[in-house]
Amino acid sequence: VVRTGGRELLEPAAGCARASGRAT
């Protein structure tokens, strides 16, 4: 356990960026 605290420790989940346009 490297760090404890409140909800401020939470970072937005790294989502998968979707590119514009279609691949097919």
mmCIF file of all heavy atoms, coordinates in Angstrom:
data_MODEL
# 
_entry.id   MODEL 
# 
loop_
_atom_site.group_PDB 
_atom_site.id 
_atom_site.type_symbol 
_atom_site.label_atom_id 
_atom_site.label_alt_id 
_atom_site.label_comp_id 
_atom_site.label_asym_id 
_atom_site.label_entity_id 
_atom_site.label_seq_id 
_atom_site.pdbx_PDB_ins_code 
_atom_site.Cartn_x 
_atom_site.Cartn_y 
_atom_site.Cartn_z 
_atom_site.occupancy 
_atom_site.B_iso_or_equiv 
_atom_site.pdbx_formal_charge 
_atom_site.auth_seq_id 
_atom_site.auth_comp_id 
_atom_site.auth_asym_id 
_atom_site.auth_atom_id 
_atom_site.pdbx_PDB_model_num 
ATOM 1   N N   . VAL A 1 1  ? 0.873   -1.163 0.000   1.00 0.00 ? 1  VAL A N   1 
ATOM 2   C CA  . VAL A 1 1  ? 0.000   0.000  0.000   1.00 0.00 ? 1  VAL A CA  1 
ATOM 3   C C   . VAL A 1 1  ? 0.913   1.217  0.000   1.00 0.00 ? 1  VAL A C   1 
ATOM 4   O O   . VAL A 1 1  ? 1.597   1.505  0.981   1.00 0.00 ? 1  VAL A O   1 
ATOM 5   C CB  . VAL A 1 1  ? -0.925  0.012  1.227   1.00 0.00 ? 1  VAL A CB  1 
ATOM 6   C CG1 . VAL A 1 1  ? -1.781  1.281  1.241   1.00 0.00 ? 1  VAL A CG1 1 
ATOM 7   C CG2 . VAL A 1 1  ? -1.814  -1.226 1.245   1.00 0.00 ? 1  VAL A CG2 1 
ATOM 8   N N   . VAL A 1 2  ? 0.953   1.915  -1.130  1.00 0.00 ? 2  VAL A N   1 
ATOM 9   C CA  . VAL A 1 2  ? 1.928   2.998  -1.286  1.00 0.00 ? 2  VAL A CA  1 
ATOM 10  C C   . VAL A 1 2  ? 1.343   4.364  -0.935  1.00 0.00 ? 2  VAL A C   1 
ATOM 11  O O   . VAL A 1 2  ? 2.102   5.321  -0.710  1.00 0.00 ? 2  VAL A O   1 
ATOM 12  C CB  . VAL A 1 2  ? 2.492   3.025  -2.722  1.00 0.00 ? 2  VAL A CB  1 
ATOM 13  C CG1 . VAL A 1 2  ? 3.263   1.742  -3.010  1.00 0.00 ? 2  VAL A CG1 1 
ATOM 14  C CG2 . VAL A 1 2  ? 1.387   3.218  -3.759  1.00 0.00 ? 2  VAL A CG2 1 
ATOM 15  N N   . ARG A 1 3  ? 0.014   4.448  -0.897  1.00 0.00 ? 3  ARG A N   1 
ATOM 16  C CA  . ARG A 1 3  ? -0.593  5.744  -0.590  1.00 0.00 ? 3  ARG A CA  1 
ATOM 17  C C   . ARG A 1 3  ? -2.018  5.531  -0.149  1.00 0.00 ? 3  ARG A C   1 
ATOM 18  O O   . ARG A 1 3  ? -2.728  4.685  -0.685  1.00 0.00 ? 3  ARG A O   1 
ATOM 19  C CB  . ARG A 1 3  ? -0.548  6.652  -1.819  1.00 0.00 ? 3  ARG A CB  1 
ATOM 20  C CG  . ARG A 1 3  ? -0.895  8.109  -1.532  1.00 0.00 ? 3  ARG A CG  1 
ATOM 21  C CD  . ARG A 1 3  ? -0.726  8.933  -2.800  1.00 0.00 ? 3  ARG A CD  1 
ATOM 22  N NE  . ARG A 1 3  ? -1.085  10.323 -2.583  1.00 0.00 ? 3  ARG A NE  1 
ATOM 23  C CZ  . ARG A 1 3  ? -1.190  11.231 -3.536  1.00 0.00 ? 3  ARG A CZ  1 
ATOM 24  N NH1 . ARG A 1 3  ? -0.951  10.885 -4.800  1.00 0.00 ? 3  ARG A NH1 1 
ATOM 25  N NH2 . ARG A 1 3  ? -1.537  12.478 -3.266  1.00 0.00 ? 3  ARG A NH2 1 
ATOM 26  N N   . THR A 1 4  ? -2.459  6.292  0.838   1.00 0.00 ? 4  THR A N   1 
ATOM 27  C CA  . THR A 1 4  ? -3.855  6.265  1.275   1.00 0.00 ? 4  THR A CA  1 
ATOM 28  C C   . THR A 1 4  ? -4.383  7.689  1.342   1.00 0.00 ? 4  THR A C   1 
ATOM 29  O O   . THR A 1 4  ? -3.636  8.642  1.531   1.00 0.00 ? 4  THR A O   1 
ATOM 30  C CB  . THR A 1 4  ? -4.014  5.592  2.655   1.00 0.00 ? 4  THR A CB  1 
ATOM 31  O OG1 . THR A 1 4  ? -3.252  6.326  3.638   1.00 0.00 ? 4  THR A OG1 1 
ATOM 32  C CG2 . THR A 1 4  ? -3.561  4.144  2.627   1.00 0.00 ? 4  THR A CG2 1 
ATOM 33  N N   . GLY A 1 5  ? -5.677  7.814  1.147   1.00 0.00 ? 5  GLY A N   1 
ATOM 34  C CA  . GLY A 1 5  ? -6.293  9.128  1.200   1.00 0.00 ? 5  GLY A CA  1 
ATOM 35  C C   . GLY A 1 5  ? -7.762  9.049  0.854   1.00 0.00 ? 5  GLY A C   1 
ATOM 36  O O   . GLY A 1 5  ? -8.388  7.982  0.968   1.00 0.00 ? 5  GLY A O   1 
ATOM 37  N N   . GLY A 1 6  ? -8.314  10.161 0.416   1.00 0.00 ? 6  GLY A N   1 
ATOM 38  C CA  . GLY A 1 6  ? -9.716  10.206 0.040   1.00 0.00 ? 6  GLY A CA  1 
ATOM 39  C C   . GLY A 1 6  ? -9.909  9.988  -1.444  1.00 0.00 ? 6  GLY A C   1 
ATOM 40  O O   . GLY A 1 6  ? -8.982  9.598  -2.173  1.00 0.00 ? 6  GLY A O   1 
ATOM 41  N N   . ARG A 1 7  ? -11.091 10.288 -1.919  1.00 0.00 ? 7  ARG A N   1 
ATOM 42  C CA  . ARG A 1 7  ? -11.432 10.037 -3.314  1.00 0.00 ? 7  ARG A CA  1 
ATOM 43  C C   . ARG A 1 7  ? -10.649 10.914 -4.287  1.00 0.00 ? 7  ARG A C   1 
ATOM 44  O O   . ARG A 1 7  ? -10.666 10.669 -5.493  1.00 0.00 ? 7  ARG A O   1 
ATOM 45  C CB  . ARG A 1 7  ? -12.943 10.219 -3.520  1.00 0.00 ? 7  ARG A CB  1 
ATOM 46  C CG  . ARG A 1 7  ? -13.795 9.210  -2.748  1.00 0.00 ? 7  ARG A CG  1 
ATOM 47  C CD  . ARG A 1 7  ? -15.277 9.439  -2.995  1.00 0.00 ? 7  ARG A CD  1 
ATOM 48  N NE  . ARG A 1 7  ? -15.651 9.104  -4.366  1.00 0.00 ? 7  ARG A NE  1 
ATOM 49  C CZ  . ARG A 1 7  ? -16.166 7.940  -4.741  1.00 0.00 ? 7  ARG A CZ  1 
ATOM 50  N NH1 . ARG A 1 7  ? -16.339 6.968  -3.844  1.00 0.00 ? 7  ARG A NH1 1 
ATOM 51  N NH2 . ARG A 1 7  ? -16.497 7.724  -5.996  1.00 0.00 ? 7  ARG A NH2 1 
ATOM 52  N N   . GLU A 1 8  ? -9.964  11.912 -3.762  1.00 0.00 ? 8  GLU A N   1 
ATOM 53  C CA  . GLU A 1 8  ? -9.146  12.733 -4.647  1.00 0.00 ? 8  GLU A CA  1 
ATOM 54  C C   . GLU A 1 8  ? -7.995  11.939 -5.266  1.00 0.00 ? 8  GLU A C   1 
ATOM 55  O O   . GLU A 1 8  ? -7.405  12.367 -6.269  1.00 0.00 ? 8  GLU A O   1 
ATOM 56  C CB  . GLU A 1 8  ? -8.582  13.947 -3.891  1.00 0.00 ? 8  GLU A CB  1 
ATOM 57  C CG  . GLU A 1 8  ? -7.533  13.622 -2.833  1.00 0.00 ? 8  GLU A CG  1 
ATOM 58  C CD  . GLU A 1 8  ? -8.130  13.226 -1.485  1.00 0.00 ? 8  GLU A CD  1 
ATOM 59  O OE1 . GLU A 1 8  ? -9.378  13.175 -1.390  1.00 0.00 ? 8  GLU A OE1 1 
ATOM 60  O OE2 . GLU A 1 8  ? -7.358  12.980 -0.547  1.00 0.00 ? 8  GLU A OE2 1 
ATOM 61  N N   . LEU A 1 9  ? -7.690  10.761 -4.691  1.00 0.00 ? 9  LEU A N   1 
ATOM 62  C CA  . LEU A 1 9  ? -6.636  9.918  -5.259  1.00 0.00 ? 9  LEU A CA  1 
ATOM 63  C C   . LEU A 1 9  ? -7.082  9.221  -6.544  1.00 0.00 ? 9  LEU A C   1 
ATOM 64  O O   . LEU A 1 9  ? -6.247  8.734  -7.302  1.00 0.00 ? 9  LEU A O   1 
ATOM 65  C CB  . LEU A 1 9  ? -6.197  8.854  -4.247  1.00 0.00 ? 9  LEU A CB  1 
ATOM 66  C CG  . LEU A 1 9  ? -5.519  9.335  -2.968  1.00 0.00 ? 9  LEU A CG  1 
ATOM 67  C CD1 . LEU A 1 9  ? -5.067  8.142  -2.132  1.00 0.00 ? 9  LEU A CD1 1 
ATOM 68  C CD2 . LEU A 1 9  ? -4.321  10.216 -3.295  1.00 0.00 ? 9  LEU A CD2 1 
ATOM 69  N N   . LEU A 1 10 ? -8.378  9.160  -6.755  1.00 0.00 ? 10 LEU A N   1 
ATOM 70  C CA  . LEU A 1 10 ? -8.878  8.480  -7.945  1.00 0.00 ? 10 LEU A CA  1 
ATOM 71  C C   . LEU A 1 10 ? -8.644  9.355  -9.170  1.00 0.00 ? 10 LEU A C   1 
ATOM 72  O O   . LEU A 1 10 ? -8.910  10.559 -9.162  1.00 0.00 ? 10 LEU A O   1 
ATOM 73  C CB  . LEU A 1 10 ? -10.373 8.184  -7.816  1.00 0.00 ? 10 LEU A CB  1 
ATOM 74  C CG  . LEU A 1 10 ? -10.782 7.275  -6.649  1.00 0.00 ? 10 LEU A CG  1 
ATOM 75  C CD1 . LEU A 1 10 ? -12.294 7.185  -6.565  1.00 0.00 ? 10 LEU A CD1 1 
ATOM 76  C CD2 . LEU A 1 10 ? -10.179 5.891  -6.854  1.00 0.00 ? 10 LEU A CD2 1 
ATOM 77  N N   . GLU A 1 11 ? -8.167  8.728  -10.224 1.00 0.00 ? 11 GLU A N   1 
ATOM 78  C CA  . GLU A 1 11 ? -7.981  9.421  -11.486 1.00 0.00 ? 11 GLU A CA  1 
ATOM 79  C C   . GLU A 1 11 ? -8.956  8.853  -12.492 1.00 0.00 ? 11 GLU A C   1 
ATOM 80  O O   . GLU A 1 11 ? -9.349  7.688  -12.391 1.00 0.00 ? 11 GLU A O   1 
ATOM 81  C CB  . GLU A 1 11 ? -6.546  9.237  -11.998 1.00 0.00 ? 11 GLU A CB  1 
ATOM 82  C CG  . GLU A 1 11 ? -5.510  9.839  -11.075 1.00 0.00 ? 11 GLU A CG  1 
ATOM 83  C CD  . GLU A 1 11 ? -4.103  9.625  -11.588 1.00 0.00 ? 11 GLU A CD  1 
ATOM 84  O OE1 . GLU A 1 11 ? -3.979  8.983  -12.643 1.00 0.00 ? 11 GLU A OE1 1 
ATOM 85  O OE2 . GLU A 1 11 ? -3.163  10.086 -10.944 1.00 0.00 ? 11 GLU A OE2 1 
ATOM 86  N N   . PRO A 1 12 ? -9.364  9.664  -13.464 1.00 0.00 ? 12 PRO A N   1 
ATOM 87  C CA  . PRO A 1 12 ? -10.268 9.136  -14.485 1.00 0.00 ? 12 PRO A CA  1 
ATOM 88  C C   . PRO A 1 12 ? -9.663  7.913  -15.141 1.00 0.00 ? 12 PRO A C   1 
ATOM 89  O O   . PRO A 1 12 ? -8.465  7.862  -15.413 1.00 0.00 ? 12 PRO A O   1 
ATOM 90  C CB  . PRO A 1 12 ? -10.409 10.297 -15.484 1.00 0.00 ? 12 PRO A CB  1 
ATOM 91  C CG  . PRO A 1 12 ? -10.047 11.517 -14.692 1.00 0.00 ? 12 PRO A CG  1 
ATOM 92  C CD  . PRO A 1 12 ? -9.024  11.071 -13.694 1.00 0.00 ? 12 PRO A CD  1 
ATOM 93  N N   . ALA A 1 13 ? -10.502 6.912  -15.379 1.00 0.00 ? 13 ALA A N   1 
ATOM 94  C CA  . ALA A 1 13 ? -10.024 5.695  -16.045 1.00 0.00 ? 13 ALA A CA  1 
ATOM 95  C C   . ALA A 1 13 ? -9.512  6.039  -17.424 1.00 0.00 ? 13 ALA A C   1 
ATOM 96  O O   . ALA A 1 13 ? -10.078 6.849  -18.147 1.00 0.00 ? 13 ALA A O   1 
ATOM 97  C CB  . ALA A 1 13 ? -11.148 4.661  -16.144 1.00 0.00 ? 13 ALA A CB  1 
ATOM 98  N N   . ALA A 1 14 ? -8.387  5.415  -17.774 1.00 0.00 ? 14 ALA A N   1 
ATOM 99  C CA  . ALA A 1 14 ? -7.823  5.631  -19.107 1.00 0.00 ? 14 ALA A CA  1 
ATOM 100 C C   . ALA A 1 14 ? -8.644  4.865  -20.116 1.00 0.00 ? 14 ALA A C   1 
ATOM 101 O O   . ALA A 1 14 ? -8.567  3.653  -20.202 1.00 0.00 ? 14 ALA A O   1 
ATOM 102 C CB  . ALA A 1 14 ? -6.368  5.169  -19.142 1.00 0.00 ? 14 ALA A CB  1 
ATOM 103 N N   . GLY A 1 15 ? -9.477  5.570  -20.816 1.00 0.00 ? 15 GLY A N   1 
ATOM 104 C CA  . GLY A 1 15 ? -10.321 4.903  -21.797 1.00 0.00 ? 15 GLY A CA  1 
ATOM 105 C C   . GLY A 1 15 ? -9.572  4.633  -23.080 1.00 0.00 ? 15 GLY A C   1 
ATOM 106 O O   . GLY A 1 15 ? -8.448  5.068  -23.277 1.00 0.00 ? 15 GLY A O   1 
ATOM 107 N N   . CYS A 1 16 ? -10.210 3.921  -23.902 1.00 0.00 ? 16 CYS A N   1 
ATOM 108 C CA  . CYS A 1 16 ? -9.628  3.614  -25.222 1.00 0.00 ? 16 CYS A CA  1 
ATOM 109 C C   . CYS A 1 16 ? -10.179 4.624  -26.223 1.00 0.00 ? 16 CYS A C   1 
ATOM 110 O O   . CYS A 1 16 ? -11.375 4.632  -26.514 1.00 0.00 ? 16 CYS A O   1 
ATOM 111 C CB  . CYS A 1 16 ? -9.991  2.193  -25.646 1.00 0.00 ? 16 CYS A CB  1 
ATOM 112 S SG  . CYS A 1 16 ? -9.489  1.786  -27.323 1.00 0.00 ? 16 CYS A SG  1 
ATOM 113 N N   . ALA A 1 17 ? -9.304  5.510  -26.684 1.00 0.00 ? 17 ALA A N   1 
ATOM 114 C CA  . ALA A 1 17 ? -9.754  6.534  -27.621 1.00 0.00 ? 17 ALA A CA  1 
ATOM 115 C C   . ALA A 1 17 ? -10.170 5.897  -28.928 1.00 0.00 ? 17 ALA A C   1 
ATOM 116 O O   . ALA A 1 17 ? -9.490  5.060  -29.476 1.00 0.00 ? 17 ALA A O   1 
ATOM 117 C CB  . ALA A 1 17 ? -8.612  7.534  -27.858 1.00 0.00 ? 17 ALA A CB  1 
ATOM 118 N N   . ARG A 1 18 ? -11.312 6.312  -29.378 1.00 0.00 ? 18 ARG A N   1 
ATOM 119 C CA  . ARG A 1 18 ? -11.812 5.782  -30.642 1.00 0.00 ? 18 ARG A CA  1 
ATOM 120 C C   . ARG A 1 18 ? -11.526 6.781  -31.744 1.00 0.00 ? 18 ARG A C   1 
ATOM 121 O O   . ARG A 1 18 ? -11.889 7.950  -31.678 1.00 0.00 ? 18 ARG A O   1 
ATOM 122 C CB  . ARG A 1 18 ? -13.316 5.525  -30.549 1.00 0.00 ? 18 ARG A CB  1 
ATOM 123 C CG  . ARG A 1 18 ? -13.681 4.408  -29.598 1.00 0.00 ? 18 ARG A CG  1 
ATOM 124 C CD  . ARG A 1 18 ? -15.175 4.187  -29.550 1.00 0.00 ? 18 ARG A CD  1 
ATOM 125 N NE  . ARG A 1 18 ? -15.708 3.935  -30.874 1.00 0.00 ? 18 ARG A NE  1 
ATOM 126 C CZ  . ARG A 1 18 ? -17.008 3.806  -31.119 1.00 0.00 ? 18 ARG A CZ  1 
ATOM 127 N NH1 . ARG A 1 18 ? -17.875 3.892  -30.153 1.00 0.00 ? 18 ARG A NH1 1 
ATOM 128 N NH2 . ARG A 1 18 ? -17.423 3.567  -32.343 1.00 0.00 ? 18 ARG A NH2 1 
ATOM 129 N N   . ALA A 1 19 ? -10.861 6.310  -32.746 1.00 0.00 ? 19 ALA A N   1 
ATOM 130 C CA  . ALA A 1 19 ? -10.529 7.179  -33.867 1.00 0.00 ? 19 ALA A CA  1 
ATOM 131 C C   . ALA A 1 19 ? -11.774 7.491  -34.672 1.00 0.00 ? 19 ALA A C   1 
ATOM 132 O O   . ALA A 1 19 ? -12.727 6.732  -34.688 1.00 0.00 ? 19 ALA A O   1 
ATOM 133 C CB  . ALA A 1 19 ? -9.485  6.494  -34.763 1.00 0.00 ? 19 ALA A CB  1 
ATOM 134 N N   . SER A 1 20 ? -11.736 8.650  -35.325 1.00 0.00 ? 20 SER A N   1 
ATOM 135 C CA  . SER A 1 20 ? -12.867 8.997  -36.166 1.00 0.00 ? 20 SER A CA  1 
ATOM 136 C C   . SER A 1 20 ? -12.809 8.209  -37.458 1.00 0.00 ? 20 SER A C   1 
ATOM 137 O O   . SER A 1 20 ? -11.752 7.743  -37.872 1.00 0.00 ? 20 SER A O   1 
ATOM 138 C CB  . SER A 1 20 ? -12.842 10.497 -36.471 1.00 0.00 ? 20 SER A CB  1 
ATOM 139 O OG  . SER A 1 20 ? -11.648 10.829 -37.157 1.00 0.00 ? 20 SER A OG  1 
ATOM 140 N N   . GLY A 1 21 ? -13.961 8.076  -38.104 1.00 0.00 ? 21 GLY A N   1 
ATOM 141 C CA  . GLY A 1 21 ? -14.005 7.338  -39.366 1.00 0.00 ? 21 GLY A CA  1 
ATOM 142 C C   . GLY A 1 21 ? -14.172 5.861  -39.150 1.00 0.00 ? 21 GLY A C   1 
ATOM 143 O O   . GLY A 1 21 ? -14.096 5.357  -38.046 1.00 0.00 ? 21 GLY A O   1 
ATOM 144 N N   . ARG A 1 22 ? -14.400 5.124  -40.232 1.00 0.00 ? 22 ARG A N   1 
ATOM 145 C CA  . ARG A 1 22 ? -14.613 3.698  -40.171 1.00 0.00 ? 22 ARG A CA  1 
ATOM 146 C C   . ARG A 1 22 ? -13.379 2.978  -40.676 1.00 0.00 ? 22 ARG A C   1 
ATOM 147 O O   . ARG A 1 22 ? -12.689 3.447  -41.563 1.00 0.00 ? 22 ARG A O   1 
ATOM 148 C CB  . ARG A 1 22 ? -15.833 3.275  -41.005 1.00 0.00 ? 22 ARG A CB  1 
ATOM 149 C CG  . ARG A 1 22 ? -17.087 4.068  -40.721 1.00 0.00 ? 22 ARG A CG  1 
ATOM 150 C CD  . ARG A 1 22 ? -17.478 4.044  -39.264 1.00 0.00 ? 22 ARG A CD  1 
ATOM 151 N NE  . ARG A 1 22 ? -17.708 2.675  -38.810 1.00 0.00 ? 22 ARG A NE  1 
ATOM 152 C CZ  . ARG A 1 22 ? -17.910 2.368  -37.559 1.00 0.00 ? 22 ARG A CZ  1 
ATOM 153 N NH1 . ARG A 1 22 ? -17.890 3.295  -36.630 1.00 0.00 ? 22 ARG A NH1 1 
ATOM 154 N NH2 . ARG A 1 22 ? -18.129 1.119  -37.222 1.00 0.00 ? 22 ARG A NH2 1 
ATOM 155 N N   . ALA A 1 23 ? -13.133 1.781  -40.100 1.00 0.00 ? 23 ALA A N   1 
ATOM 156 C CA  . ALA A 1 23 ? -11.964 1.017  -40.502 1.00 0.00 ? 23 ALA A CA  1 
ATOM 157 C C   . ALA A 1 23 ? -12.245 0.180  -41.730 1.00 0.00 ? 23 ALA A C   1 
ATOM 158 O O   . ALA A 1 23 ? -11.326 -0.294 -42.378 1.00 0.00 ? 23 ALA A O   1 
ATOM 159 C CB  . ALA A 1 23 ? -11.518 0.114  -39.353 1.00 0.00 ? 23 ALA A CB  1 
ATOM 160 N N   . THR A 1 24 ? -13.501 -0.039 -42.023 1.00 0.00 ? 24 THR A N   1 
ATOM 161 C CA  . THR A 1 24 ? -13.847 -0.969 -43.095 1.00 0.00 ? 24 THR A CA  1 
ATOM 162 C C   . THR A 1 24 ? -14.929 -0.370 -43.967 1.00 0.00 ? 24 THR A C   1 
ATOM 163 O O   . THR A 1 24 ? -15.866 0.246  -43.475 1.00 0.00 ? 24 THR A O   1 
ATOM 164 C CB  . THR A 1 24 ? -14.360 -2.294 -42.504 1.00 0.00 ? 24 THR A CB  1 
ATOM 165 O OG1 . THR A 1 24 ? -13.402 -2.780 -41.582 1.00 0.00 ? 24 THR A OG1 1 
ATOM 166 C CG2 . THR A 1 24 ? -14.587 -3.325 -43.585 1.00 0.00 ? 24 THR A CG2 1 
# 
